[in-house]
Every structure is written in structure tokens, then in C-alpha cells.
Protein backbone atom coordinates (compact mmCIF):
# COMPACT_ATOMS: atom_id res chain seq x y z
CA UNK A 1 -27.95 -94.98 338.59
CA UNK A 2 -30.91 -97.31 337.96
CA UNK A 3 -30.34 -101.01 338.54
CA UNK A 4 -31.11 -103.70 335.97
CA UNK A 5 -34.55 -104.34 337.45
CA UNK A 6 -35.43 -100.66 337.74
CA UNK A 7 -36.88 -98.75 334.79
CA UNK A 8 -37.99 -95.13 334.83
CA UNK A 9 -41.27 -94.91 332.93
CA UNK A 10 -42.32 -91.35 333.74
CA UNK A 11 -40.18 -88.53 335.02
CA UNK A 12 -39.75 -84.86 335.86
CA UNK A 13 -43.29 -83.75 336.61
CA UNK A 14 -42.04 -80.54 338.17
CA UNK A 15 -44.42 -77.67 337.28
CA UNK A 16 -46.64 -80.16 335.44
CA UNK A 17 -49.56 -77.82 335.87
CA UNK A 18 -47.77 -75.11 333.86
CA UNK A 19 -46.85 -77.21 330.82
CA UNK A 20 -49.42 -75.43 328.68
CA UNK A 21 -48.64 -71.92 329.89
CA UNK A 22 -48.46 -69.29 327.17
CA UNK A 23 -47.23 -65.76 327.48
CA UNK A 24 -49.77 -63.48 329.13
CA UNK A 25 -52.09 -66.27 330.29
CA UNK A 26 -53.35 -67.05 333.77
CA UNK A 27 -51.11 -69.47 335.68
CA UNK A 28 -51.16 -71.09 339.09
CA UNK A 29 -48.85 -68.29 340.26
CA UNK A 30 -51.03 -65.33 339.29
CA UNK A 31 -54.55 -66.82 339.31
CA UNK A 32 -55.36 -65.49 342.78
CA UNK A 33 -55.10 -61.94 341.42
CA UNK A 34 -58.57 -62.60 339.97
CA UNK A 35 -60.94 -61.67 342.80
CA UNK A 36 -63.41 -64.53 342.27
CA UNK A 37 -60.61 -67.11 342.06
CA UNK A 38 -59.15 -65.82 345.32
CA UNK A 39 -62.58 -65.99 346.97
CA UNK A 40 -63.24 -69.56 345.81
CA UNK A 41 -59.86 -70.83 346.99
CA UNK A 42 -60.16 -69.07 350.34
CA UNK A 43 -63.73 -70.27 350.98
CA UNK A 44 -62.77 -73.89 350.31
CA UNK A 45 -59.58 -73.66 352.35
CA UNK A 46 -61.40 -72.23 355.36
CA UNK A 47 -64.11 -74.90 355.16
CA UNK A 48 -61.47 -77.65 355.21
CA UNK A 49 -59.40 -75.96 357.91
CA UNK A 50 -62.21 -75.55 360.47
CA UNK A 51 -62.94 -79.30 360.52
CA UNK A 52 -60.82 -81.12 363.12
CA UNK A 53 -58.82 -84.02 361.69
CA UNK A 54 -58.64 -86.77 364.30
CA UNK A 55 -57.19 -90.21 364.87
CA UNK A 56 -59.75 -92.76 366.05
CA UNK A 57 -59.55 -96.26 367.45
CA UNK A 58 -62.20 -98.66 366.14
CA UNK A 59 -64.26 -100.22 368.96
CA UNK A 60 -67.05 -102.79 369.18
CA UNK A 61 -69.65 -100.01 369.26
CA UNK A 62 -68.03 -97.62 366.77
CA UNK A 63 -64.95 -95.47 367.32
CA UNK A 64 -63.30 -93.32 369.96
CA UNK A 65 -60.60 -90.65 369.80
CA UNK A 66 -57.15 -92.17 370.26
CA UNK A 67 -55.55 -89.28 372.17
CA UNK A 68 -52.66 -91.34 373.55
CA UNK A 69 -51.17 -91.92 370.09
CA UNK A 70 -48.45 -89.43 369.06
CA UNK A 71 -50.13 -88.90 365.69
CA UNK A 72 -53.31 -87.58 367.32
CA UNK A 73 -51.71 -84.33 368.43
CA UNK A 74 -50.01 -83.79 365.07
CA UNK A 75 -53.30 -84.06 363.18
CA UNK A 76 -55.53 -82.33 365.70
CA UNK A 77 -53.31 -79.56 367.06
CA UNK A 78 -50.00 -78.97 365.32
CA UNK A 79 -48.18 -80.98 362.62
CA UNK A 80 -44.89 -79.29 363.54
CA UNK A 81 -43.65 -76.56 365.92
CA UNK A 82 -44.15 -73.85 363.28
CA UNK A 83 -47.73 -74.50 362.16
CA UNK A 84 -51.15 -75.07 363.66
CA UNK A 85 -53.38 -77.79 362.26
CA UNK A 86 -55.69 -75.07 360.87
CA UNK A 87 -52.85 -73.48 358.90
CA UNK A 88 -51.62 -76.83 357.58
CA UNK A 89 -55.06 -77.91 356.35
CA UNK A 90 -55.55 -74.54 354.71
CA UNK A 91 -52.23 -74.92 352.88
CA UNK A 92 -53.31 -78.36 351.66
CA UNK A 93 -56.54 -77.02 350.18
CA UNK A 94 -54.85 -74.01 348.55
CA UNK A 95 -52.15 -76.18 346.99
CA UNK A 96 -54.73 -78.60 345.60
CA UNK A 97 -56.68 -75.80 343.90
CA UNK A 98 -53.67 -73.89 342.58
CA UNK A 99 -51.09 -76.60 341.94
CA UNK A 100 -53.12 -79.81 341.82
CA UNK A 101 -50.74 -81.32 344.40
CA UNK A 102 -49.74 -80.88 348.02
CA UNK A 103 -46.60 -82.45 349.46
CA UNK A 104 -45.65 -82.76 353.12
CA UNK A 105 -42.55 -84.46 354.47
CA UNK A 106 -43.02 -87.06 357.19
CA UNK A 107 -40.36 -86.92 359.92
CA UNK A 108 -39.78 -90.02 362.06
CA UNK A 109 -37.60 -90.66 365.11
CA UNK A 110 -35.23 -93.59 365.59
CA UNK A 111 -38.11 -95.80 366.73
CA UNK A 112 -40.04 -95.19 363.53
CA UNK A 113 -42.64 -92.95 365.20
CA UNK A 114 -43.90 -89.92 363.29
CA UNK A 115 -42.85 -86.82 365.22
CA UNK A 116 -43.57 -84.02 362.70
CA UNK A 117 -45.12 -83.25 359.31
CA UNK A 118 -43.66 -80.36 357.28
CA UNK A 119 -45.33 -78.92 354.14
CA UNK A 120 -43.13 -78.57 351.05
CA UNK A 121 -43.32 -76.15 348.11
CA UNK A 122 -45.00 -77.98 345.23
CA UNK A 123 -43.08 -76.01 342.56
CA UNK A 124 -39.80 -77.53 343.73
CA UNK A 125 -40.97 -81.14 343.65
CA UNK A 126 -40.40 -83.59 340.81
CA UNK A 127 -42.15 -86.95 340.81
CA UNK A 128 -41.49 -90.02 338.68
CA UNK A 129 -42.60 -93.62 338.47
CA UNK A 130 -40.00 -96.36 338.44
CA UNK A 131 -40.75 -99.93 337.53
CA UNK A 132 -39.07 -102.07 340.16
CA UNK A 133 -39.61 -105.83 340.31
CA UNK A 134 -42.71 -105.39 338.12
CA UNK A 135 -44.21 -102.88 340.56
CA UNK A 136 -44.61 -99.14 340.04
CA UNK A 137 -43.03 -97.03 342.75
CA UNK A 138 -42.86 -93.25 343.07
CA UNK A 139 -39.61 -91.42 343.53
CA UNK A 140 -39.63 -87.85 344.83
CA UNK A 141 -36.98 -85.23 344.10
CA UNK A 142 -37.19 -82.02 346.14
CA UNK A 143 -34.71 -79.33 345.21
CA UNK A 144 -32.51 -82.05 343.64
CA UNK A 145 -32.61 -84.13 346.80
CA UNK A 146 -34.19 -87.58 346.74
CA UNK A 147 -36.80 -88.29 349.44
CA UNK A 148 -38.13 -91.84 350.00
CA UNK A 149 -41.78 -92.27 349.04
CA UNK A 150 -42.69 -93.43 352.55
CA UNK A 151 -41.56 -90.02 353.86
CA UNK A 152 -43.83 -87.99 351.56
CA UNK A 153 -47.52 -87.34 352.19
CA UNK A 154 -48.80 -86.55 348.69
CA UNK A 155 -52.35 -85.30 348.11
CA UNK A 156 -53.69 -84.93 344.54
CA UNK A 157 -56.70 -83.01 343.24
CA UNK A 158 -57.35 -84.23 339.67
CA UNK A 159 -55.03 -87.21 338.94
CA UNK A 160 -53.30 -87.41 335.58
CA UNK A 161 -53.74 -90.45 333.35
CA UNK A 162 -51.05 -92.42 335.20
CA UNK A 163 -52.05 -91.39 338.69
CA UNK A 164 -48.58 -89.92 339.14
CA UNK A 165 -49.38 -86.30 339.95
CA UNK A 166 -52.41 -84.06 340.11
CA UNK A 167 -53.33 -81.50 337.46
CA UNK A 168 -54.48 -78.11 338.71
CA UNK A 169 -57.86 -76.63 337.92
CA UNK A 170 -55.98 -73.61 336.56
CA UNK A 171 -54.62 -75.80 333.74
CA UNK A 172 -58.01 -77.29 332.91
CA UNK A 173 -59.79 -73.95 332.93
CA UNK A 174 -57.09 -71.60 331.63
CA UNK A 175 -59.21 -70.25 328.75
CA UNK A 176 -62.05 -69.29 331.08
CA UNK A 177 -59.68 -67.68 333.55
CA UNK A 178 -57.84 -65.83 330.77
CA UNK A 179 -61.16 -64.32 329.70
CA UNK A 180 -62.01 -63.38 333.29
CA UNK A 181 -58.61 -61.74 333.70
CA UNK A 182 -59.04 -59.79 330.46
CA UNK A 183 -62.50 -58.58 331.53
CA UNK A 184 -61.13 -57.49 334.89
CA UNK A 185 -58.27 -55.59 333.26
CA UNK A 186 -60.70 -53.93 330.86
CA UNK A 187 -62.87 -52.78 333.76
CA UNK A 188 -59.88 -51.46 335.68
CA UNK A 189 -58.75 -49.39 332.70
CA UNK A 190 -62.24 -47.96 332.23
CA UNK A 191 -62.51 -46.93 335.87
CA UNK A 192 -59.00 -45.51 335.80
CA UNK A 193 -60.29 -43.18 333.10
CA UNK A 194 -63.40 -42.17 335.07
CA UNK A 195 -65.30 -45.24 333.86
CA UNK A 196 -66.08 -43.57 330.51
CA UNK A 197 -64.28 -43.86 327.17
CA UNK A 198 -62.83 -40.75 325.61
CA UNK A 199 -64.92 -38.53 323.41
CA UNK A 200 -63.98 -36.77 320.18
CA UNK A 201 -62.33 -33.33 319.79
CA UNK A 202 -63.00 -31.26 316.71
CA UNK A 203 -61.74 -27.88 315.46
CA UNK A 204 -62.15 -25.87 312.29
CA UNK A 205 -58.92 -26.21 310.41
CA UNK A 206 -55.88 -28.03 311.74
CA UNK A 207 -53.85 -28.06 315.00
CA UNK A 208 -50.13 -27.48 314.82
CA UNK A 209 -47.84 -30.16 316.18
CA UNK A 210 -46.99 -27.94 319.14
CA UNK A 211 -50.65 -27.25 319.95
CA UNK A 212 -51.51 -30.93 319.62
CA UNK A 213 -48.71 -31.98 321.99
CA UNK A 214 -49.73 -29.32 324.55
CA UNK A 215 -53.40 -30.38 324.41
CA UNK A 216 -52.52 -34.03 324.91
CA UNK A 217 -50.19 -33.26 327.81
CA UNK A 218 -52.76 -31.08 329.61
CA UNK A 219 -55.57 -33.63 329.17
CA UNK A 220 -53.49 -36.45 330.65
CA UNK A 221 -52.25 -34.31 333.54
CA UNK A 222 -55.45 -32.49 334.50
CA UNK A 223 -58.50 -34.46 333.38
CA UNK A 224 -57.85 -38.21 333.34
CA UNK A 225 -58.51 -40.45 336.34
CA UNK A 226 -61.20 -40.64 339.02
CA UNK A 227 -59.57 -37.89 341.09
CA UNK A 228 -60.23 -35.45 338.21
CA UNK A 229 -63.77 -36.62 337.54
CA UNK A 230 -66.23 -33.74 337.17
CA UNK A 231 -63.69 -31.00 336.46
CA UNK A 232 -64.81 -28.54 333.78
CA UNK A 233 -62.91 -28.83 330.53
CA UNK A 234 -61.27 -25.64 329.29
CA UNK A 235 -61.04 -25.51 325.49
CA UNK A 236 -59.28 -22.92 323.34
CA UNK A 237 -59.31 -21.67 319.76
CA UNK A 238 -62.71 -23.04 318.80
CA UNK A 239 -61.90 -26.58 319.99
CA UNK A 240 -65.09 -28.55 320.84
CA UNK A 241 -65.59 -31.90 322.61
CA UNK A 242 -68.28 -34.48 321.84
CA UNK A 243 -68.51 -37.40 324.32
CA UNK A 244 -68.95 -40.92 322.98
CA UNK A 245 -71.77 -42.48 324.97
CA UNK A 246 -70.50 -46.06 325.37
CA UNK A 247 -71.01 -47.41 328.89
CA UNK A 248 -69.82 -50.57 330.61
CA UNK A 249 -73.33 -51.97 330.34
CA UNK A 250 -73.50 -51.19 326.60
CA UNK A 251 -70.24 -53.11 326.16
CA UNK A 252 -71.76 -56.03 328.11
CA UNK A 253 -68.95 -55.76 330.63
CA UNK A 254 -71.18 -56.28 333.64
CA UNK A 255 -72.81 -59.27 331.98
CA UNK A 256 -69.42 -60.80 331.25
CA UNK A 257 -68.36 -60.28 334.88
CA UNK A 258 -71.44 -62.15 336.07
CA UNK A 259 -70.79 -64.99 333.60
CA UNK A 260 -67.16 -65.15 334.73
CA UNK A 261 -68.21 -65.45 338.37
CA UNK A 262 -70.55 -68.32 337.53
CA UNK A 263 -67.90 -70.13 335.49
CA UNK A 264 -65.18 -69.67 338.10
CA UNK A 265 -67.55 -70.82 340.84
CA UNK A 266 -68.30 -73.96 338.81
CA UNK A 267 -64.58 -74.63 338.25
CA UNK A 268 -63.86 -74.62 341.98
CA UNK A 269 -67.18 -76.04 343.15
CA UNK A 270 -68.31 -72.89 344.99
CA UNK A 271 -71.88 -71.52 344.59
CA UNK A 272 -72.03 -67.93 343.34
CA UNK A 273 -74.20 -67.11 346.35
CA UNK A 274 -71.06 -67.60 348.46
CA UNK A 275 -69.23 -65.09 346.22
CA UNK A 276 -71.44 -62.16 347.26
CA UNK A 277 -73.82 -62.76 344.35
CA UNK A 278 -77.36 -63.16 345.66
CA UNK A 279 -79.07 -62.67 342.30
CA UNK A 280 -82.37 -64.57 342.16
CA UNK A 281 -81.60 -66.33 345.43
CA UNK A 282 -84.00 -66.99 348.28
CA UNK A 283 -83.18 -68.25 351.78
CA UNK A 284 -84.25 -71.81 350.92
CA UNK A 285 -82.21 -71.76 347.73
CA UNK A 286 -79.14 -70.40 349.53
CA UNK A 287 -79.43 -73.10 352.18
CA UNK A 288 -79.65 -75.81 349.53
CA UNK A 289 -76.62 -74.42 347.70
CA UNK A 290 -74.59 -74.45 350.90
CA UNK A 291 -75.55 -78.06 351.57
CA UNK A 292 -74.52 -78.95 348.01
CA UNK A 293 -71.20 -77.20 348.62
CA UNK A 294 -70.67 -79.34 351.71
CA UNK A 295 -71.67 -82.59 350.01
CA UNK A 296 -70.29 -82.16 346.48
CA UNK A 297 -67.17 -80.06 347.14
CA UNK A 298 -65.90 -80.34 350.72
CA UNK A 299 -66.82 -83.97 351.42
CA UNK A 300 -64.84 -85.44 348.45
CA UNK A 301 -61.75 -83.40 349.41
CA UNK A 302 -62.12 -84.55 353.00
CA UNK A 303 -62.33 -88.22 352.02
CA UNK A 304 -59.27 -87.89 349.76
CA UNK A 305 -57.24 -86.39 352.62
CA UNK A 306 -58.47 -89.02 355.08
CA UNK A 307 -57.67 -91.98 352.84
CA UNK A 308 -54.22 -90.74 351.83
CA UNK A 309 -53.38 -89.90 355.46
CA UNK A 310 -54.33 -93.41 356.56
CA UNK A 311 -52.31 -94.92 353.72
CA UNK A 312 -49.11 -92.99 354.48
CA UNK A 313 -49.25 -92.24 358.23
CA UNK A 314 -50.44 -95.57 359.64
CA UNK A 315 -48.47 -98.82 359.69
CA UNK A 316 -50.03 -101.95 358.23
CA UNK A 317 -50.73 -103.17 361.76
CA UNK A 318 -52.31 -99.86 362.81
CA UNK A 319 -54.59 -99.84 359.78
CA UNK A 320 -56.41 -102.82 361.28
CA UNK A 321 -57.69 -100.81 364.25
CA UNK A 322 -57.10 -97.09 363.59
CA UNK A 323 -58.76 -94.63 361.22
CA UNK A 324 -58.27 -90.93 360.43
CA UNK A 325 -61.43 -88.87 360.03
CA UNK A 326 -62.54 -85.25 359.77
CA UNK A 327 -65.18 -84.12 362.24
CA UNK A 328 -67.47 -83.16 359.39
CA UNK A 329 -70.32 -81.88 361.55
CA UNK A 330 -68.10 -78.89 362.44
CA UNK A 331 -69.44 -77.34 359.21
CA UNK A 332 -72.91 -77.28 360.76
CA UNK A 333 -71.83 -74.77 363.40
CA UNK A 334 -72.92 -71.85 361.26
CA UNK A 335 -76.38 -73.31 360.48
CA UNK A 336 -78.27 -73.47 363.77
CA UNK A 337 -81.61 -74.46 362.23
CA UNK A 338 -80.21 -77.39 360.24
CA UNK A 339 -78.08 -78.51 363.18
CA UNK A 340 -81.02 -78.44 365.59
CA UNK A 341 -83.23 -80.43 363.23
CA UNK A 342 -80.44 -82.97 362.68
CA UNK A 343 -79.90 -83.54 366.40
CA UNK A 344 -83.64 -83.71 367.06
CA UNK A 345 -84.06 -86.39 364.38
CA UNK A 346 -81.04 -88.40 365.50
CA UNK A 347 -82.18 -88.31 369.14
CA UNK A 348 -85.76 -89.17 368.16
CA UNK A 349 -84.76 -92.36 366.31
CA UNK A 350 -82.33 -93.36 369.03
CA UNK A 351 -79.19 -92.86 366.91
CA UNK A 352 -77.63 -90.30 369.26
CA UNK A 353 -77.79 -89.87 373.02
CA UNK A 354 -77.97 -86.46 374.73
CA UNK A 355 -74.35 -86.91 375.82
CA UNK A 356 -73.21 -87.56 372.25
CA UNK A 357 -75.03 -84.42 371.10
CA UNK A 358 -73.44 -82.37 373.88
CA UNK A 359 -70.03 -83.79 373.02
CA UNK A 360 -70.44 -82.71 369.39
CA UNK A 361 -71.17 -79.19 370.65
CA UNK A 362 -68.05 -79.17 372.87
CA UNK A 363 -70.20 -79.29 375.99
CA UNK A 364 -69.53 -81.42 379.05
CA UNK A 365 -71.56 -84.62 379.14
CA UNK A 366 -74.09 -85.50 381.85
CA UNK A 367 -72.88 -87.99 384.44
């Protein structure tokens, strides 16, 4: 029961991202059935997951990895005995895209040290603001069990107006995704029927009900579907067949698929060139798009995770000398040319030493 100085001002945000769901529409639960949505979410999650998340100690000349701290291993290797750091970071990214929120429970020992971090299922979490002593504080309810705010690591994608919970991209873009889903279903039905619409049967006179039922049954059993494509059609009693020449292209289905891919890519911040669409793309253009993906999509997510991790995982005293950072240059591993030019420039202006370059490449340093 709330005390006299505690006032609930916003409550029960469970499934906030599905408030506007209507029957038959795309939701956070079924969105990944759309191929381009699945690709976007997976591409982003992998990009986040391959970057090591490390705890650093600030020094007079910069920073150094703080491997002796218990939190270092949790962030870099394994947040708990059941997950690797790669898997945990991938879950964070997937939750942010699909649900708008990721929640992990912080487990501490009797000395107040963080010993494990366990991801929670966003669908089962309710969040509310309470006004306590003129300050807003979050309260978390997971499967009807209250969890203190200092034991929840809560990442948000697109904050709502109050900054209470995140809103998923599925909610914001439901109309676009509904259209993409409808186009995909339309294409599947066409291909199921040999990728061509039915033609027209004609006969002098009129078919009896029995003849009509037998014709319909035989057509469905023997001639529909890709496995029956190309079979000759046997017609009786003067029955003739005239195909209707409407193709997928005539119906602008292929064009709509291309438009859907572009729209979905824009929703999730993934270039269409990374979705196996190289239309009108050159090597230089592809390289620029990938750099934009790093800068405009992955970097903001990385900073959000870093800042929230520092806020919730470090004590006030530790925040004075410790920071949590992604090793962002891990994304350059797949681009040898860009990486080589970067190191050459940094070495040439004296910003990096050969040992620092070798360290970034997981090579032993020179003594």
C-alpha cells in the first residue's frame, strides 16, 4: 500500500508496445516472420554482439582495462553461468528492436558486489513511476513480484513521453509492416498456385452440379501447386481453358517487395545493400552505406548501453574513476582497407603507437 508521500502517477506498462494491436496486424511477437524484418534485427544484433563490452579505469594518459574488478568478467565474458557475453548483447539488441525495452536483473552478494546479470522476458514486466518525496522513482513488477529499481538494468530504444518505458519500432511502423506482410502472403499464395492466377473455363451449354464438383475436385488434386506445374490438362465434353495473363510484375508485386525492403530497412536503420539488395550499388557506395550503418545505427545503440550500464552497475564512488565502453573498432575487422588506412593515419600523426595498433588486432606487443 502506498504511503502518504508516495503517489503512483503512471502504471502498468506491461505490453505497452502492443496497445495499438488490431486483429490480423503485425505485432512484436510475429514481426520476425517477415524476412526483411528478421534480417534487419539479426544484422543489428550481430553487430552489437561482436563488439567487446569492457570496464576501464581512467588514467592520467587515458584508460586501461580494469581486469581485476569482478564486473569486468561479467561484461566481457559471461554475465551469468548460462550465457556468454555475445548471447546477452544479442538479446539486448533483439529486445530493443522488437519490444522497445530490455530488462536484466542485477544479482549482488552480501557485500554488495555484482556477481551475475540475468536477462528477463520483457512481456512479463510492468513498470510504473511513483512520486516519492517529490522525486520520480521507477517500480518494477516481474510476474507479480516487485523488484527494486537498483536491481534492474533497463535499456530503452525509443522512450515514451515520460521516459518510463521504450516504444518498439513495430508499434511506430505497424502500417508499413502490415503492408509488407500482406504483400508477402500474396506472393506465397501465387507461388503455391504455380505463380500464375487461374484462367477461365468455358463450355457450350451448362455443367451439371455433379460434373462441376468432379471438375473442381480433380483440378485441386491434380493440377494446383508447384509440384504439378507443367502437367497437361485433360478436358472433357468440349470444355476449354483460357489462361488469364496476369503476372506478378503486372500486379506490381515485385515493385512493392522492393519498396517494402527499403521502408523496413529505414525503420531499423539497416541499408538495403545489407539485405541482399545490390540494386544500383557500387563498391564505393556500399562502403559508405556500411560506414553510415556503423555511425548512425550501431554507435547510438552502443552509447545508450554504455551510459545505462555505468548508471546502474557502478557505485557513485566508482563512477569517478571507472567507465564502461564498447571496443567499437571491432566492427572494422571485416573492412581491411578502411582499417589499414585508419591505422596508417593514426600512426602517421602520432596518435597511436605500433604496440597500440597490435593490441587492437589482438597481437602481442613489442617489448
